[in-house]
Amino acid sequence: MIGVSELDLLLYIIGICLFLMPIALVAGDKRVSGQEKNGWLLATIFLSWIGWLVFISTAKRQIKKTKTVKRPNKKR
């Protein structure tokens, strides 16, 4: 029989965690929601870390574009 050593098992677990980490990071992000989040999750599932890096770079840009500083108008 073919046996699996503890080191092999540990490496498999680490590999699975590294594969699932970007998916969890996108799923837990509050910057996007709804269908947009579903699209990013699919991209991350199929492209793994590359999809996550694209998500991070575009999600930050969207926040910068949508943030505006509201200043109260002073009446003279």
N, C-alpha and C. Protein backbone atom coordinates (compact mmCIF):
# COMPACT_ATOMS: atom_id res chain seq x y z
N MET A 1 0.83 -1.19 0.00
CA MET A 1 0.00 0.00 0.00
C MET A 1 0.88 1.25 0.00
N ILE A 2 0.32 2.27 -0.58
CA ILE A 2 1.02 3.55 -0.61
C ILE A 2 0.60 4.34 0.62
N GLY A 3 1.58 4.72 1.40
CA GLY A 3 1.29 5.48 2.61
C GLY A 3 1.57 6.96 2.43
N VAL A 4 0.94 7.73 3.25
CA VAL A 4 1.15 9.17 3.24
C VAL A 4 1.80 9.55 4.56
N SER A 5 2.96 10.18 4.48
CA SER A 5 3.65 10.57 5.70
C SER A 5 3.03 11.84 6.27
N GLU A 6 3.42 12.15 7.50
CA GLU A 6 2.90 13.35 8.14
C GLU A 6 3.33 14.61 7.38
N LEU A 7 4.54 14.60 6.84
CA LEU A 7 5.01 15.75 6.09
C LEU A 7 4.18 15.95 4.82
N ASP A 8 3.88 14.86 4.12
CA ASP A 8 3.03 14.96 2.94
C ASP A 8 1.65 15.51 3.29
N LEU A 9 1.09 15.01 4.36
CA LEU A 9 -0.23 15.48 4.80
C LEU A 9 -0.20 16.96 5.14
N LEU A 10 0.86 17.39 5.83
CA LEU A 10 1.00 18.80 6.18
C LEU A 10 1.13 19.66 4.93
N LEU A 11 1.89 19.20 3.96
CA LEU A 11 2.04 19.95 2.71
C LEU A 11 0.72 20.03 1.94
N TYR A 12 -0.08 18.97 1.95
CA TYR A 12 -1.39 19.00 1.30
C TYR A 12 -2.30 20.00 1.98
N ILE A 13 -2.30 20.03 3.29
CA ILE A 13 -3.15 20.96 4.03
C ILE A 13 -2.73 22.40 3.76
N ILE A 14 -1.43 22.67 3.75
CA ILE A 14 -0.92 24.01 3.46
C ILE A 14 -1.31 24.42 2.04
N GLY A 15 -1.20 23.51 1.10
CA GLY A 15 -1.58 23.79 -0.29
C GLY A 15 -3.05 24.12 -0.43
N ILE A 16 -3.90 23.37 0.25
CA ILE A 16 -5.34 23.64 0.21
C ILE A 16 -5.65 25.00 0.83
N CYS A 17 -5.00 25.32 1.95
CA CYS A 17 -5.20 26.62 2.59
C CYS A 17 -4.75 27.76 1.68
N LEU A 18 -3.63 27.59 1.00
CA LEU A 18 -3.15 28.63 0.08
C LEU A 18 -4.09 28.79 -1.11
N PHE A 19 -4.74 27.73 -1.54
CA PHE A 19 -5.70 27.83 -2.63
C PHE A 19 -6.98 28.53 -2.17
N LEU A 20 -7.42 28.27 -0.94
CA LEU A 20 -8.68 28.82 -0.44
C LEU A 20 -8.55 30.23 0.13
N MET A 21 -7.34 30.66 0.47
CA MET A 21 -7.16 31.97 1.10
C MET A 21 -7.66 33.13 0.25
N PRO A 22 -7.31 33.25 -1.05
CA PRO A 22 -7.83 34.39 -1.81
C PRO A 22 -9.36 34.37 -1.94
N ILE A 23 -9.95 33.19 -1.98
CA ILE A 23 -11.41 33.08 -2.05
C ILE A 23 -12.03 33.64 -0.78
N ALA A 24 -11.46 33.28 0.37
CA ALA A 24 -11.96 33.78 1.64
C ALA A 24 -11.75 35.29 1.77
N LEU A 25 -10.64 35.80 1.26
CA LEU A 25 -10.37 37.24 1.34
C LEU A 25 -11.38 38.03 0.51
N VAL A 26 -11.73 37.55 -0.67
CA VAL A 26 -12.73 38.23 -1.49
C VAL A 26 -14.11 38.10 -0.86
N ALA A 27 -14.44 36.92 -0.35
CA ALA A 27 -15.76 36.70 0.24
C ALA A 27 -15.98 37.57 1.47
N GLY A 28 -14.93 37.85 2.22
CA GLY A 28 -15.08 38.65 3.43
C GLY A 28 -14.89 40.14 3.24
N ASP A 29 -14.61 40.57 2.02
CA ASP A 29 -14.36 41.99 1.77
C ASP A 29 -15.67 42.77 1.74
N LYS A 30 -15.69 43.93 2.36
CA LYS A 30 -16.90 44.75 2.45
C LYS A 30 -17.01 45.78 1.33
N ARG A 31 -15.99 45.88 0.47
CA ARG A 31 -16.00 46.91 -0.57
C ARG A 31 -16.96 46.61 -1.70
N VAL A 32 -17.23 45.34 -1.96
CA VAL A 32 -18.14 44.97 -3.05
C VAL A 32 -19.23 44.07 -2.49
N SER A 33 -20.35 44.02 -3.20
CA SER A 33 -21.44 43.16 -2.75
C SER A 33 -22.27 42.72 -3.95
N GLY A 34 -23.17 41.81 -3.73
CA GLY A 34 -24.10 41.36 -4.76
C GLY A 34 -23.43 40.61 -5.89
N GLN A 35 -23.91 40.91 -7.11
CA GLN A 35 -23.42 40.21 -8.29
C GLN A 35 -21.95 40.53 -8.58
N GLU A 36 -21.52 41.73 -8.19
CA GLU A 36 -20.12 42.07 -8.41
C GLU A 36 -19.22 41.16 -7.58
N LYS A 37 -19.62 40.89 -6.34
CA LYS A 37 -18.83 40.00 -5.49
C LYS A 37 -18.83 38.58 -6.07
N ASN A 38 -19.98 38.15 -6.59
CA ASN A 38 -20.04 36.82 -7.21
C ASN A 38 -19.09 36.71 -8.40
N GLY A 39 -19.01 37.76 -9.19
CA GLY A 39 -18.08 37.76 -10.32
C GLY A 39 -16.64 37.69 -9.86
N TRP A 40 -16.30 38.45 -8.83
CA TRP A 40 -14.93 38.41 -8.31
C TRP A 40 -14.63 37.06 -7.69
N LEU A 41 -15.61 36.45 -7.04
CA LEU A 41 -15.38 35.11 -6.47
C LEU A 41 -15.10 34.09 -7.57
N LEU A 42 -15.86 34.16 -8.66
CA LEU A 42 -15.60 33.24 -9.77
C LEU A 42 -14.22 33.48 -10.38
N ALA A 43 -13.86 34.75 -10.55
CA ALA A 43 -12.53 35.06 -11.10
C ALA A 43 -11.44 34.54 -10.17
N THR A 44 -11.65 34.68 -8.88
CA THR A 44 -10.65 34.23 -7.91
C THR A 44 -10.58 32.71 -7.86
N ILE A 45 -11.70 32.04 -8.01
CA ILE A 45 -11.69 30.57 -8.01
C ILE A 45 -10.90 30.05 -9.21
N PHE A 46 -11.13 30.64 -10.38
CA PHE A 46 -10.48 30.14 -11.58
C PHE A 46 -9.06 30.66 -11.77
N LEU A 47 -8.75 31.84 -11.23
CA LEU A 47 -7.43 32.43 -11.42
C LEU A 47 -6.62 32.52 -10.13
N SER A 48 -7.20 32.12 -9.03
CA SER A 48 -6.57 32.09 -7.71
C SER A 48 -5.91 33.42 -7.36
N TRP A 49 -4.63 33.43 -7.14
CA TRP A 49 -3.94 34.63 -6.64
C TRP A 49 -3.94 35.76 -7.65
N ILE A 50 -3.90 35.45 -8.94
CA ILE A 50 -3.94 36.50 -9.95
C ILE A 50 -5.27 37.22 -9.90
N GLY A 51 -6.37 36.48 -9.76
CA GLY A 51 -7.68 37.09 -9.64
C GLY A 51 -7.80 37.96 -8.41
N TRP A 52 -7.21 37.51 -7.32
CA TRP A 52 -7.24 38.28 -6.08
C TRP A 52 -6.44 39.57 -6.22
N LEU A 53 -5.28 39.51 -6.86
CA LEU A 53 -4.47 40.71 -7.06
C LEU A 53 -5.19 41.73 -7.94
N VAL A 54 -5.87 41.27 -8.98
CA VAL A 54 -6.65 42.17 -9.82
C VAL A 54 -7.80 42.78 -9.01
N PHE A 55 -8.44 41.97 -8.18
CA PHE A 55 -9.52 42.46 -7.32
C PHE A 55 -9.03 43.57 -6.40
N ILE A 56 -7.89 43.36 -5.75
CA ILE A 56 -7.35 44.35 -4.83
C ILE A 56 -7.02 45.64 -5.58
N SER A 57 -6.42 45.54 -6.75
CA SER A 57 -6.03 46.75 -7.47
C SER A 57 -7.25 47.52 -7.97
N THR A 58 -8.31 46.85 -8.40
CA THR A 58 -9.48 47.56 -8.91
C THR A 58 -10.41 48.00 -7.79
N ALA A 59 -10.53 47.26 -6.74
CA ALA A 59 -11.41 47.64 -5.64
C ALA A 59 -10.90 48.90 -4.96
N LYS A 60 -9.61 49.06 -4.81
CA LYS A 60 -9.06 50.26 -4.21
C LYS A 60 -9.31 51.46 -5.10
N ARG A 61 -9.22 51.29 -6.41
CA ARG A 61 -9.48 52.39 -7.34
C ARG A 61 -10.93 52.83 -7.24
N GLN A 62 -11.85 51.88 -7.13
CA GLN A 62 -13.26 52.23 -7.04
C GLN A 62 -13.55 53.02 -5.78
N ILE A 63 -12.92 52.68 -4.68
CA ILE A 63 -13.15 53.41 -3.44
C ILE A 63 -12.62 54.82 -3.56
N LYS A 64 -11.45 54.99 -4.15
CA LYS A 64 -10.88 56.33 -4.31
C LYS A 64 -11.77 57.19 -5.20
N LYS A 65 -12.39 56.61 -6.21
CA LYS A 65 -13.24 57.38 -7.11
C LYS A 65 -14.55 57.77 -6.43
N THR A 66 -15.08 56.92 -5.58
CA THR A 66 -16.38 57.18 -4.99
C THR A 66 -16.32 58.01 -3.72
N LYS A 67 -15.17 58.09 -3.08
CA LYS A 67 -15.06 58.87 -1.86
C LYS A 67 -14.97 60.35 -2.21
N THR A 68 -15.84 61.10 -1.62
CA THR A 68 -15.77 62.55 -1.77
C THR A 68 -15.87 63.17 -0.39
N VAL A 69 -15.21 64.25 -0.23
CA VAL A 69 -15.25 64.95 1.03
C VAL A 69 -16.36 65.98 0.96
N LYS A 70 -17.32 65.86 1.86
CA LYS A 70 -18.41 66.82 1.90
C LYS A 70 -18.08 67.90 2.90
N ARG A 71 -18.11 69.11 2.40
CA ARG A 71 -17.85 70.24 3.28
C ARG A 71 -19.14 71.04 3.42
N PRO A 72 -19.46 71.45 4.61
CA PRO A 72 -20.70 72.21 4.77
C PRO A 72 -20.57 73.58 4.11
N ASN A 73 -21.66 73.98 3.46
CA ASN A 73 -21.69 75.30 2.83
C ASN A 73 -21.92 76.37 3.88
N LYS A 74 -21.10 77.37 3.87
CA LYS A 74 -21.26 78.48 4.80
C LYS A 74 -22.12 79.54 4.14
N LYS A 75 -23.17 79.92 4.83
CA LYS A 75 -24.04 80.99 4.31
C LYS A 75 -23.47 82.33 4.73
N ARG A 76 -23.45 83.23 3.78
CA ARG A 76 -22.91 84.57 4.07
C ARG A 76 -24.01 85.55 4.27
